C-alpha cells in the first residue's frame, strides 16, 4: 500500500512576484529572479532544453549518478531540494534501497502538484520508500527536516546552486547547516568551468528553445502583473562573464518601451538596447567549491566528475 503525504509549509504567495519585481526594478541592470521562469509552459520548455545536444549538464550529471550512486553511504532519509517531479532521483533511490532497505524520501519544492505526482509514482515503484513531501522554498529556512539526525542525505542536484550569487549562496549553505545535524551528508551537483563557446551554446541553442524559455518570463509578468509585454520586443542574450565565471541570460529591448505594470501601479520605461538580467549560472572549480562548503561547516568526503570534467557531484559531511 502506498505510503506518502505532502506537507504545505509555504503557501503560494501572490505578492511575492510583485515584491521581487519591485526590488528588481531598482537594480542596474533590472533583474528578475529565475524562479519565475517555471510556470507550466516554462517547466515544459526547460524539459526540452535538457534534451538538446548543446545542453550537457543534465545528461552528464545523470551519467555520474549512474556510475557513483552505489558508492553513497547507506542512510535512513533522503531529502531532495528543488525536487520537482524527482525524475533524476530514481538513481539515488535505487542505490539507497538496495537489498530491500527502507528509506524515508523527503522531496522539497515550491510546487505542490509535482510532489504529489512524484510521490504516487515513487511509492508504486519503490515499495520500501515512504514519501513525505514538503511544499517550501529553499530561499526560506529549511528546517526542521524529517528523519533521524545524522542519518540523512540532502541532495541538491542540477547545478541549481549556480543560480545563487556568492552572498545568497553562502546564506543558503548557512540555512542548510542550521537545518541539518552533525553527520548528515550533502550531495551537490555543480557545473564546472570549461570552454567559453561550449558554455554559451548550452544557453543559446540553435533551435531557439532557450530563447523561448527566457522570453517566457515576460509572459509570466504580463499575466501576473497585468503588464503589456510582447516577447517580440526583446532579444535573447547569453554571455559568459570570465571575471565572475558565470553565464548571464538577459533580455534586450529592441526599441524604446513604456510598459504599464498595472498591478504595481507603475510605468516601466526601457530604452532600446537596455537589458534585463533574468538568470546567472555560476560555473565552479572543484577546490573553490570545497572551500565554500568548508566555510559553511561541511567537509568534503568525495568528488565525482565525468571524464571531461564538465560537471561534478560533491559529497560532504556536516560537522559539529
C-alpha atoms as a PDB file:
ATOM      1  CA  UNK A   1       0.000   0.000   0.000  1.00  0.00           C
ATOM      2  CA  UNK A   2       1.350   3.430  -0.937  1.00  0.00           C
ATOM      3  CA  UNK A   3       2.661   5.469   1.965  1.00  0.00           C
ATOM      4  CA  UNK A   4       3.010   9.130   1.114  1.00  0.00           C
ATOM      5  CA  UNK A   5       1.932  12.557   2.296  1.00  0.00           C
ATOM      6  CA  UNK A   6       2.664  16.177   1.393  1.00  0.00           C
ATOM      7  CA  UNK A   7       3.037  18.936   3.982  1.00  0.00           C
ATOM      8  CA  UNK A   8       2.478  22.536   2.876  1.00  0.00           C
ATOM      9  CA  UNK A   9       4.865  24.796   4.789  1.00  0.00           C
ATOM     10  CA  UNK A  10       4.927  27.661   2.310  1.00  0.00           C
ATOM     11  CA  UNK A  11       1.579  28.503   0.747  1.00  0.00           C
ATOM     12  CA  UNK A  12       1.634  30.236  -2.657  1.00  0.00           C
ATOM     13  CA  UNK A  13       2.110  33.965  -2.114  1.00  0.00           C
ATOM     14  CA  UNK A  14       0.622  36.067  -4.924  1.00  0.00           C
ATOM     15  CA  UNK A  15       2.526  39.072  -3.619  1.00  0.00           C
ATOM     16  CA  UNK A  16       5.956  37.502  -3.879  1.00  0.00           C
ATOM     17  CA  UNK A  17       6.377  38.091  -7.611  1.00  0.00           C
ATOM     18  CA  UNK A  18       5.301  41.717  -7.207  1.00  0.00           C
ATOM     19  CA  UNK A  19       7.825  42.195  -4.405  1.00  0.00           C
ATOM     20  CA  UNK A  20      10.597  40.581  -6.449  1.00  0.00           C
ATOM     21  CA  UNK A  21       9.827  42.756  -9.471  1.00  0.00           C
ATOM     22  CA  UNK A  22       9.734  45.943  -7.377  1.00  0.00           C
ATOM     23  CA  UNK A  23      13.128  45.050  -5.917  1.00  0.00           C
ATOM     24  CA  UNK A  24      14.497  44.083  -9.328  1.00  0.00           C
ATOM     25  CA  UNK A  25      13.425  47.341 -10.964  1.00  0.00           C
ATOM     26  CA  UNK A  26      15.654  49.206  -8.506  1.00  0.00           C
ATOM     27  CA  UNK A  27      18.752  47.293  -9.657  1.00  0.00           C
ATOM     28  CA  UNK A  28      21.079  48.003 -12.563  1.00  0.00           C
ATOM     29  CA  UNK A  29      20.550  46.076 -14.721  1.00  0.00           C
ATOM     30  CA  UNK A  30      16.912  45.367 -13.879  1.00  0.00           C
ATOM     31  CA  UNK A  31      16.871  41.822 -12.504  1.00  0.00           C
ATOM     32  CA  UNK A  32      14.093  39.216 -12.426  1.00  0.00           C
ATOM     33  CA  UNK A  33      14.819  36.128 -10.255  1.00  0.00           C
ATOM     34  CA  UNK A  34      15.000  32.938 -12.347  1.00  0.00           C
ATOM     35  CA  UNK A  35      12.424  31.153 -10.173  1.00  0.00           C
ATOM     36  CA  UNK A  36       9.756  32.982 -12.209  1.00  0.00           C
ATOM     37  CA  UNK A  37      10.658  31.063 -15.379  1.00  0.00           C
ATOM     38  CA  UNK A  38       8.863  28.000 -14.099  1.00  0.00           C
ATOM     39  CA  UNK A  39       5.173  28.268 -14.786  1.00  0.00           C
ATOM     40  CA  UNK A  40       3.679  25.281 -16.629  1.00  0.00           C
ATOM     41  CA  UNK A  41       4.968  26.380 -20.043  1.00  0.00           C
ATOM     42  CA  UNK A  42       8.378  27.329 -18.649  1.00  0.00           C
ATOM     43  CA  UNK A  43       8.745  23.929 -16.993  1.00  0.00           C
ATOM     44  CA  UNK A  44       7.867  22.218 -20.284  1.00  0.00           C
ATOM     45  CA  UNK A  45      10.426  24.322 -22.152  1.00  0.00           C
ATOM     46  CA  UNK A  46      13.113  23.517 -19.594  1.00  0.00           C
ATOM     47  CA  UNK A  47      12.394  19.800 -20.019  1.00  0.00           C
ATOM     48  CA  UNK A  48      13.007  20.316 -23.753  1.00  0.00           C
ATOM     49  CA  UNK A  49      16.258  22.150 -23.003  1.00  0.00           C
ATOM     50  CA  UNK A  50      17.610  19.177 -21.050  1.00  0.00           C
ATOM     51  CA  UNK A  51      17.278  17.049 -24.216  1.00  0.00           C
ATOM     52  CA  UNK A  52      19.138  19.472 -26.502  1.00  0.00           C
ATOM     53  CA  UNK A  53      22.519  18.401 -27.909  1.00  0.00           C
ATOM     54  CA  UNK A  54      24.120  21.644 -26.693  1.00  0.00           C
ATOM     55  CA  UNK A  55      22.864  21.254 -23.123  1.00  0.00           C
ATOM     56  CA  UNK A  56      25.259  18.803 -21.486  1.00  0.00           C
ATOM     57  CA  UNK A  57      24.594  19.297 -17.693  1.00  0.00           C
ATOM     58  CA  UNK A  58      21.540  17.040 -17.287  1.00  0.00           C
ATOM     59  CA  UNK A  59      22.858  14.005 -19.162  1.00  0.00           C
ATOM     60  CA  UNK A  60      26.339  14.413 -17.679  1.00  0.00           C
ATOM     61  CA  UNK A  61      25.028  14.558 -14.119  1.00  0.00           C
ATOM     62  CA  UNK A  62      22.848  11.539 -14.847  1.00  0.00           C
ATOM     63  CA  UNK A  63      25.891   9.576 -16.057  1.00  0.00           C
ATOM     64  CA  UNK A  64      27.872  10.487 -12.912  1.00  0.00           C
ATOM     65  CA  UNK A  65      24.951   9.438 -10.710  1.00  0.00           C
ATOM     66  CA  UNK A  66      24.630   6.175 -12.624  1.00  0.00           C
ATOM     67  CA  UNK A  67      28.311   5.438 -12.087  1.00  0.00           C
ATOM     68  CA  UNK A  68      28.695   6.545  -8.471  1.00  0.00           C
ATOM     69  CA  UNK A  69      25.333   6.440  -6.677  1.00  0.00           C
ATOM     70  CA  UNK A  70      26.106   2.867  -5.494  1.00  0.00           C
ATOM     71  CA  UNK A  71      29.082   4.325  -3.580  1.00  0.00           C
ATOM     72  CA  UNK A  72      26.874   6.539  -1.418  1.00  0.00           C
ATOM     73  CA  UNK A  73      26.683   5.599   2.254  1.00  0.00           C
ATOM     74  CA  UNK A  74      23.510   3.937   3.480  1.00  0.00           C
ATOM     75  CA  UNK A  75      21.156   6.447   5.106  1.00  0.00           C
ATOM     76  CA  UNK A  76      17.653   6.332   6.511  1.00  0.00           C
ATOM     77  CA  UNK A  77      16.433   9.588   4.935  1.00  0.00           C
ATOM     78  CA  UNK A  78      16.963  11.223   1.542  1.00  0.00           C
ATOM     79  CA  UNK A  79      15.980  14.903   1.279  1.00  0.00           C
ATOM     80  CA  UNK A  80      15.905  16.470  -2.190  1.00  0.00           C
ATOM     81  CA  UNK A  81      15.831  20.253  -2.573  1.00  0.00           C
ATOM     82  CA  UNK A  82      14.031  21.628  -5.630  1.00  0.00           C
ATOM     83  CA  UNK A  83      12.748  18.137  -6.333  1.00  0.00           C
ATOM     84  CA  UNK A  84      10.104  18.864  -8.982  1.00  0.00           C
ATOM     85  CA  UNK A  85       8.998  15.519 -10.414  1.00  0.00           C
ATOM     86  CA  UNK A  86      12.055  13.739  -8.895  1.00  0.00           C
ATOM     87  CA  UNK A  87      12.985  12.104 -12.217  1.00  0.00           C
ATOM     88  CA  UNK A  88      16.756  12.042 -11.723  1.00  0.00           C
ATOM     89  CA  UNK A  89      16.316  10.997  -8.103  1.00  0.00           C
ATOM     90  CA  UNK A  90      15.428   7.469  -9.125  1.00  0.00           C
ATOM     91  CA  UNK A  91      19.123   6.580  -9.393  1.00  0.00           C
ATOM     92  CA  UNK A  92      19.609   7.679  -5.785  1.00  0.00           C
ATOM     93  CA  UNK A  93      16.518   5.767  -4.673  1.00  0.00           C
ATOM     94  CA  UNK A  94      17.741   2.613  -6.399  1.00  0.00           C
ATOM     95  CA  UNK A  95      21.105   2.856  -4.683  1.00  0.00           C
ATOM     96  CA  UNK A  96      19.772   3.725  -1.233  1.00  0.00           C
ATOM     97  CA  UNK A  97      17.112   0.969  -1.196  1.00  0.00           C
ATOM     98  CA  UNK A  98      19.325  -1.845  -2.446  1.00  0.00           C
ATOM     99  CA  UNK A  99      18.878  -5.136  -0.580  1.00  0.00           C
ATOM    100  CA  UNK A 100      15.373  -4.021   0.403  1.00  0.00           C
ATOM    101  CA  UNK A 101      16.452  -1.230   2.752  1.00  0.00           C
ATOM    102  CA  UNK A 102      13.686   1.074   3.972  1.00  0.00           C
ATOM    103  CA  UNK A 103      14.066   4.750   3.124  1.00  0.00           C
ATOM    104  CA  UNK A 104      12.241   7.949   4.011  1.00  0.00           C
ATOM    105  CA  UNK A 105      12.240  10.228   0.965  1.00  0.00           C
ATOM    106  CA  UNK A 106      11.575  13.931   1.570  1.00  0.00           C
ATOM    107  CA  UNK A 107      11.219  15.878  -1.705  1.00  0.00           C
ATOM    108  CA  UNK A 108      11.009  19.652  -1.166  1.00  0.00           C
ATOM    109  CA  UNK A 109       9.700  22.024  -3.829  1.00  0.00           C
ATOM    110  CA  UNK A 110       7.658  25.226  -4.137  1.00  0.00           C
ATOM    111  CA  UNK A 111       5.042  23.490  -6.317  1.00  0.00           C
ATOM    112  CA  UNK A 112       2.671  21.011  -4.680  1.00  0.00           C
ATOM    113  CA  UNK A 113       1.338  19.141  -7.719  1.00  0.00           C
ATOM    114  CA  UNK A 114       4.709  17.752  -8.929  1.00  0.00           C
ATOM    115  CA  UNK A 115       5.404  16.483  -5.406  1.00  0.00           C
ATOM    116  CA  UNK A 116       2.094  14.624  -5.333  1.00  0.00           C
ATOM    117  CA  UNK A 117       2.594  13.121  -8.795  1.00  0.00           C
ATOM    118  CA  UNK A 118       6.135  12.022  -7.918  1.00  0.00           C
ATOM    119  CA  UNK A 119       5.016  10.559  -4.586  1.00  0.00           C
ATOM    120  CA  UNK A 120       2.426   8.326  -6.279  1.00  0.00           C
ATOM    121  CA  UNK A 121       4.947   7.033  -8.832  1.00  0.00           C
ATOM    122  CA  UNK A 122       7.797   6.528  -6.376  1.00  0.00           C
ATOM    123  CA  UNK A 123       5.790   4.650  -3.769  1.00  0.00           C
ATOM    124  CA  UNK A 124       4.437   2.404  -6.546  1.00  0.00           C
ATOM    125  CA  UNK A 125       7.907   1.684  -7.947  1.00  0.00           C
ATOM    126  CA  UNK A 126       9.866   1.522  -4.668  1.00  0.00           C
ATOM    127  CA  UNK A 127       7.885  -0.483  -2.102  1.00  0.00           C
ATOM    128  CA  UNK A 128      10.333   0.205   0.748  1.00  0.00           C
ATOM    129  CA  UNK A 129      10.184   4.001   0.281  1.00  0.00           C
ATOM    130  CA  UNK A 130       7.957   6.267   2.360  1.00  0.00           C
ATOM    131  CA  UNK A 131       7.462   9.746   0.879  1.00  0.00           C
ATOM    132  CA  UNK A 132       6.931  12.851   2.988  1.00  0.00           C
ATOM    133  CA  UNK A 133       6.897  15.794   0.578  1.00  0.00           C
ATOM    134  CA  UNK A 134       7.308  19.374   1.754  1.00  0.00           C
ATOM    135  CA  UNK A 135       5.980  22.389  -0.132  1.00  0.00           C
ATOM    136  CA  UNK A 136       8.531  25.096   0.688  1.00  0.00           C
ATOM    137  CA  UNK A 137      11.035  27.471  -0.889  1.00  0.00           C
ATOM    138  CA  UNK A 138      14.718  26.776  -0.274  1.00  0.00           C
ATOM    139  CA  UNK A 139      15.155  30.551  -0.148  1.00  0.00           C
ATOM    140  CA  UNK A 140      13.478  30.241   3.274  1.00  0.00           C
ATOM    141  CA  UNK A 141      14.559  28.328   6.372  1.00  0.00           C
ATOM    142  CA  UNK A 142      14.738  24.612   5.572  1.00  0.00           C
ATOM    143  CA  UNK A 143      14.190  23.016   8.954  1.00  0.00           C
ATOM    144  CA  UNK A 144      13.003  21.078  10.702  1.00  0.00           C
ATOM    145  CA  UNK A 145      13.820  18.161   8.402  1.00  0.00           C
ATOM    146  CA  UNK A 146      12.202  14.763   8.945  1.00  0.00           C
ATOM    147  CA  UNK A 147      14.360  11.761   9.718  1.00  0.00           C
ATOM    148  CA  UNK A 148      16.933  10.721  12.292  1.00  0.00           C
ATOM    149  CA  UNK A 149      19.615  13.376  12.933  1.00  0.00           C
ATOM    150  CA  UNK A 150      22.946  12.299  11.474  1.00  0.00           C
ATOM    151  CA  UNK A 151      21.309   9.724   9.192  1.00  0.00           C
ATOM    152  CA  UNK A 152      20.187  11.982   6.332  1.00  0.00           C
ATOM    153  CA  UNK A 153      21.450  12.707   2.846  1.00  0.00           C
ATOM    154  CA  UNK A 154      20.377  16.095   1.428  1.00  0.00           C
ATOM    155  CA  UNK A 155      20.637  16.254  -2.380  1.00  0.00           C
ATOM    156  CA  UNK A 156      20.741  19.484  -4.376  1.00  0.00           C
ATOM    157  CA  UNK A 157      21.156  18.459  -7.995  1.00  0.00           C
ATOM    158  CA  UNK A 158      21.138  20.043 -11.443  1.00  0.00           C
ATOM    159  CA  UNK A 159      23.655  22.794 -10.605  1.00  0.00           C
ATOM    160  CA  UNK A 160      20.819  24.935  -9.263  1.00  0.00           C
ATOM    161  CA  UNK A 161      23.409  26.155  -6.757  1.00  0.00           C
ATOM    162  CA  UNK A 162      24.878  28.124  -9.679  1.00  0.00           C
ATOM    163  CA  UNK A 163      21.797  30.363  -9.834  1.00  0.00           C
ATOM    164  CA  UNK A 164      22.837  31.835  -6.494  1.00  0.00           C
ATOM    165  CA  UNK A 165      25.420  34.613  -6.445  1.00  0.00           C
ATOM    166  CA  UNK A 166      28.149  34.341  -3.768  1.00  0.00           C
ATOM    167  CA  UNK A 167      26.283  36.176  -0.980  1.00  0.00           C
ATOM    168  CA  UNK A 168      22.961  34.313  -1.371  1.00  0.00           C
ATOM    169  CA  UNK A 169      24.924  31.078  -1.903  1.00  0.00           C
ATOM    170  CA  UNK A 170      26.673  31.470   1.444  1.00  0.00           C
ATOM    171  CA  UNK A 171      23.321  32.296   3.057  1.00  0.00           C
ATOM    172  CA  UNK A 172      21.785  29.144   1.552  1.00  0.00           C
ATOM    173  CA  UNK A 173      24.619  26.975   2.873  1.00  0.00           C
ATOM    174  CA  UNK A 174      24.199  28.574   6.298  1.00  0.00           C
ATOM    175  CA  UNK A 175      20.475  27.716   6.240  1.00  0.00           C
ATOM    176  CA  UNK A 176      21.345  24.167   5.245  1.00  0.00           C
ATOM    177  CA  UNK A 177      23.787  23.918   8.167  1.00  0.00           C
ATOM    178  CA  UNK A 178      21.074  25.106  10.555  1.00  0.00           C
ATOM    179  CA  UNK A 179      18.574  22.595   9.160  1.00  0.00           C
ATOM    180  CA  UNK A 180      20.884  19.572   9.397  1.00  0.00           C
ATOM    181  CA  UNK A 181      22.715  17.801  12.200  1.00  0.00           C
ATOM    182  CA  UNK A 182      26.295  16.569  12.656  1.00  0.00           C
ATOM    183  CA  UNK A 183      26.831  13.505  10.489  1.00  0.00           C
ATOM    184  CA  UNK A 184      24.189  14.415   7.907  1.00  0.00           C
ATOM    185  CA  UNK A 185      25.540  14.448   4.369  1.00  0.00           C
ATOM    186  CA  UNK A 186      25.065  16.825   1.445  1.00  0.00           C
ATOM    187  CA  UNK A 187      25.230  15.771  -2.231  1.00  0.00           C
ATOM    188  CA  UNK A 188      25.745  18.773  -4.506  1.00  0.00           C
ATOM    189  CA  UNK A 189      25.644  18.909  -8.299  1.00  0.00           C
ATOM    190  CA  UNK A 190      27.710  21.709  -9.844  1.00  0.00           C
ATOM    191  CA  UNK A 191      28.657  22.723 -13.373  1.00  0.00           C
ATOM    192  CA  UNK A 192      32.381  23.308 -13.845  1.00  0.00           C
ATOM    193  CA  UNK A 193      34.391  25.991 -15.664  1.00  0.00           C
ATOM    194  CA  UNK A 194      35.138  24.978 -19.250  1.00  0.00           C
ATOM    195  CA  UNK A 195      35.464  26.301 -22.806  1.00  0.00           C
ATOM    196  CA  UNK A 196      33.516  29.550 -23.134  1.00  0.00           C
ATOM    197  CA  UNK A 197      31.986  28.703 -26.518  1.00  0.00           C
ATOM    198  CA  UNK A 198      30.518  25.451 -25.195  1.00  0.00           C
ATOM    199  CA  UNK A 199      29.047  27.253 -22.216  1.00  0.00           C
ATOM    200  CA  UNK A 200      27.391  29.928 -24.350  1.00  0.00           C
ATOM    201  CA  UNK A 201      25.993  27.347 -26.794  1.00  0.00           C
ATOM    202  CA  UNK A 202      24.398  25.479 -23.885  1.00  0.00           C
ATOM    203  CA  UNK A 203      22.379  28.630 -23.120  1.00  0.00           C
ATOM    204  CA  UNK A 204      21.802  29.798 -26.702  1.00  0.00           C
ATOM    205  CA  UNK A 205      20.915  26.665 -28.652  1.00  0.00           C
ATOM    206  CA  UNK A 206      20.470  26.562 -32.411  1.00  0.00           C
ATOM    207  CA  UNK A 207      16.796  25.557 -32.145  1.00  0.00           C
ATOM    208  CA  UNK A 208      15.938  28.616 -30.042  1.00  0.00           C
ATOM    209  CA  UNK A 209      14.395  26.647 -27.170  1.00  0.00           C
ATOM    210  CA  UNK A 210      16.407  28.501 -24.519  1.00  0.00           C
ATOM    211  CA  UNK A 211      15.423  31.819 -26.100  1.00  0.00           C
ATOM    212  CA  UNK A 212      11.752  30.820 -25.804  1.00  0.00           C
ATOM    213  CA  UNK A 213      12.342  29.749 -22.198  1.00  0.00           C
ATOM    214  CA  UNK A 214      13.976  33.084 -21.385  1.00  0.00           C
ATOM    215  CA  UNK A 215      11.211  35.103 -23.044  1.00  0.00           C
ATOM    216  CA  UNK A 216       8.541  33.082 -21.235  1.00  0.00           C
ATOM    217  CA  UNK A 217       9.263  35.095 -18.086  1.00  0.00           C
ATOM    218  CA  UNK A 218       7.765  38.077 -19.948  1.00  0.00           C
ATOM    219  CA  UNK A 219       4.530  36.111 -20.354  1.00  0.00           C
ATOM    220  CA  UNK A 220       4.551  35.397 -16.612  1.00  0.00           C
ATOM    221  CA  UNK A 221       4.977  39.101 -15.822  1.00  0.00           C
ATOM    222  CA  UNK A 222       2.295  40.091 -18.347  1.00  0.00           C
ATOM    223  CA  UNK A 223      -0.205  37.639 -16.868  1.00  0.00           C
ATOM    224  CA  UNK A 224       0.514  38.089 -13.165  1.00  0.00           C
ATOM    225  CA  UNK A 225       1.141  41.852 -13.127  1.00  0.00           C
ATOM    226  CA  UNK A 226      -1.303  42.867 -15.893  1.00  0.00           C
ATOM    227  CA  UNK A 227       1.560  44.215 -17.984  1.00  0.00           C
ATOM    228  CA  UNK A 228       1.784  44.983 -21.695  1.00  0.00           C
ATOM    229  CA  UNK A 229       4.847  42.924 -22.593  1.00  0.00           C
ATOM    230  CA  UNK A 230       5.424  41.492 -26.057  1.00  0.00           C
ATOM    231  CA  UNK A 231       8.225  38.879 -26.305  1.00  0.00           C
ATOM    232  CA  UNK A 232       8.866  40.048 -29.875  1.00  0.00           C
ATOM    233  CA  UNK A 233      10.107  43.342 -28.426  1.00  0.00           C
ATOM    234  CA  UNK A 234      13.101  41.560 -26.873  1.00  0.00           C
ATOM    235  CA  UNK A 235      16.143  39.582 -27.980  1.00  0.00           C
ATOM    236  CA  UNK A 236      17.536  36.646 -26.008  1.00  0.00           C
ATOM    237  CA  UNK A 237      21.151  37.219 -24.946  1.00  0.00           C
ATOM    238  CA  UNK A 238      23.548  34.691 -23.396  1.00  0.00           C
ATOM    239  CA  UNK A 239      27.096  35.659 -22.493  1.00  0.00           C
ATOM    240  CA  UNK A 240      29.856  34.348 -20.287  1.00  0.00           C
ATOM    241  CA  UNK A 241      31.472  36.646 -17.730  1.00  0.00           C
ATOM    242  CA  UNK A 242      35.055  35.405 -17.418  1.00  0.00           C
ATOM    243  CA  UNK A 243      35.684  37.626 -14.376  1.00  0.00           C
ATOM    244  CA  UNK A 244      32.844  36.113 -12.362  1.00  0.00           C
ATOM    245  CA  UNK A 245      32.899  32.668 -14.040  1.00  0.00           C
ATOM    246  CA  UNK A 246      29.213  32.740 -14.817  1.00  0.00           C
ATOM    247  CA  UNK A 247      26.756  32.613 -17.671  1.00  0.00           C
ATOM    248  CA  UNK A 248      24.310  35.501 -17.788  1.00  0.00           C
ATOM    249  CA  UNK A 249      20.980  35.291 -19.585  1.00  0.00           C
ATOM    250  CA  UNK A 250      19.422  38.607 -20.465  1.00  0.00           C
ATOM    251  CA  UNK A 251      16.567  40.078 -22.478  1.00  0.00           C
ATOM    252  CA  UNK A 252      17.497  43.105 -24.616  1.00  0.00           C
ATOM    253  CA  UNK A 253      14.848  45.627 -25.653  1.00  0.00           C
ATOM    254  CA  UNK A 254      14.638  46.040 -29.433  1.00  0.00           C
ATOM    255  CA  UNK A 255      13.056  49.504 -29.168  1.00  0.00           C
ATOM    256  CA  UNK A 256      12.179  52.143 -26.598  1.00  0.00           C
ATOM    257  CA  UNK A 257       9.372  50.779 -24.443  1.00  0.00           C
ATOM    258  CA  UNK A 258       6.939  52.107 -21.862  1.00  0.00           C
ATOM    259  CA  UNK A 259       5.379  49.132 -20.088  1.00  0.00           C
ATOM    260  CA  UNK A 260       2.468  49.609 -17.685  1.00  0.00           C
ATOM    261  CA  UNK A 261       2.687  47.257 -14.694  1.00  0.00           C
ATOM    262  CA  UNK A 262      -0.899  47.832 -13.628  1.00  0.00           C
ATOM    263  CA  UNK A 263      -0.906  45.684 -10.516  1.00  0.00           C
ATOM    264  CA  UNK A 264       2.133  47.578  -9.265  1.00  0.00           C
ATOM    265  CA  UNK A 265       0.772  50.979 -10.309  1.00  0.00           C
ATOM    266  CA  UNK A 266       3.997  51.635 -12.223  1.00  0.00           C
ATOM    267  CA  UNK A 267       5.187  52.613 -15.674  1.00  0.00           C
ATOM    268  CA  UNK A 268       8.359  50.721 -16.618  1.00  0.00           C
ATOM    269  CA  UNK A 269      10.476  52.521 -19.185  1.00  0.00           C
ATOM    270  CA  UNK A 270      13.174  50.693 -21.118  1.00  0.00           C
ATOM    271  CA  UNK A 271      15.445  52.278 -23.683  1.00  0.00           C
ATOM    272  CA  UNK A 272      16.332  50.478 -26.884  1.00  0.00           C
ATOM    273  CA  UNK A 273      19.260  48.157 -26.111  1.00  0.00           C
ATOM    274  CA  UNK A 274      18.572  48.102 -22.367  1.00  0.00           C
ATOM    275  CA  UNK A 275      18.877  44.647 -20.847  1.00  0.00           C
ATOM    276  CA  UNK A 276      17.008  42.713 -18.156  1.00  0.00           C
ATOM    277  CA  UNK A 277      19.088  40.152 -16.247  1.00  0.00           C
ATOM    278  CA  UNK A 278      16.976  37.001 -15.901  1.00  0.00           C
ATOM    279  CA  UNK A 279      19.474  34.353 -14.805  1.00  0.00           C
ATOM    280  CA  UNK A 280      23.053  33.899 -13.702  1.00  0.00           C
ATOM    281  CA  UNK A 281      24.570  30.427 -13.687  1.00  0.00           C
ATOM    282  CA  UNK A 282      27.917  30.203 -11.913  1.00  0.00           C
ATOM    283  CA  UNK A 283      30.500  27.690 -13.089  1.00  0.00           C
ATOM    284  CA  UNK A 284      32.723  26.263 -10.395  1.00  0.00           C
ATOM    285  CA  UNK A 285      36.208  24.976  -9.746  1.00  0.00           C
ATOM    286  CA  UNK A 286      36.334  21.895  -7.538  1.00  0.00           C
ATOM    287  CA  UNK A 287      38.774  23.327  -4.974  1.00  0.00           C
ATOM    288  CA  UNK A 288      36.908  26.628  -4.654  1.00  0.00           C
ATOM    289  CA  UNK A 289      33.598  24.822  -4.187  1.00  0.00           C
ATOM    290  CA  UNK A 290      35.124  22.639  -1.458  1.00  0.00           C
ATOM    291  CA  UNK A 291      36.326  25.809   0.278  1.00  0.00           C
ATOM    292  CA  UNK A 292      32.804  27.293   0.211  1.00  0.00           C
ATOM    293  CA  UNK A 293      31.408  24.108   1.714  1.00  0.00           C
ATOM    294  CA  UNK A 294      34.098  24.041   4.392  1.00  0.00           C
ATOM    295  CA  UNK A 295      33.352  27.641   5.327  1.00  0.00           C
ATOM    296  CA  UNK A 296      29.725  26.603   5.880  1.00  0.00           C
ATOM    297  CA  UNK A 297      30.688  23.623   8.061  1.00  0.00           C
ATOM    298  CA  UNK A 298      30.618  20.794   5.503  1.00  0.00           C
ATOM    299  CA  UNK A 299      33.727  18.638   4.972  1.00  0.00           C
ATOM    300  CA  UNK A 300      34.125  17.091   1.519  1.00  0.00           C
ATOM    301  CA  UNK A 301      34.263  13.292   1.540  1.00  0.00           C
ATOM    302  CA  UNK A 302      34.235  12.588  -2.220  1.00  0.00           C
ATOM    303  CA  UNK A 303      34.135  14.386  -5.559  1.00  0.00           C
ATOM    304  CA  UNK A 304      33.000  12.610  -8.727  1.00  0.00           C
ATOM    305  CA  UNK A 305      33.249  14.058 -12.239  1.00  0.00           C
ATOM    306  CA  UNK A 306      32.813  12.819 -15.784  1.00  0.00           C
ATOM    307  CA  UNK A 307      35.875  12.044 -17.914  1.00  0.00           C
ATOM    308  CA  UNK A 308      35.825  15.516 -19.481  1.00  0.00           C
ATOM    309  CA  UNK A 309      35.468  17.216 -16.062  1.00  0.00           C
ATOM    310  CA  UNK A 310      32.389  19.074 -17.290  1.00  0.00           C
ATOM    311  CA  UNK A 311      30.314  18.518 -14.145  1.00  0.00           C
ATOM    312  CA  UNK A 312      30.848  17.455 -10.539  1.00  0.00           C
ATOM    313  CA  UNK A 313      28.981  15.708  -7.757  1.00  0.00           C
ATOM    314  CA  UNK A 314      30.371  16.534  -4.325  1.00  0.00           C
ATOM    315  CA  UNK A 315      29.568  14.515  -1.214  1.00  0.00           C
ATOM    316  CA  UNK A 316      30.153  16.440   2.009  1.00  0.00           C
ATOM    317  CA  UNK A 317      29.515  15.691   5.673  1.00  0.00           C
ATOM    318  CA  UNK A 318      28.091  18.217   8.112  1.00  0.00           C
ATOM    319  CA  UNK A 319      30.402  18.838  11.037  1.00  0.00           C
ATOM    320  CA  UNK A 320      29.602  19.978  14.582  1.00  0.00           C
END
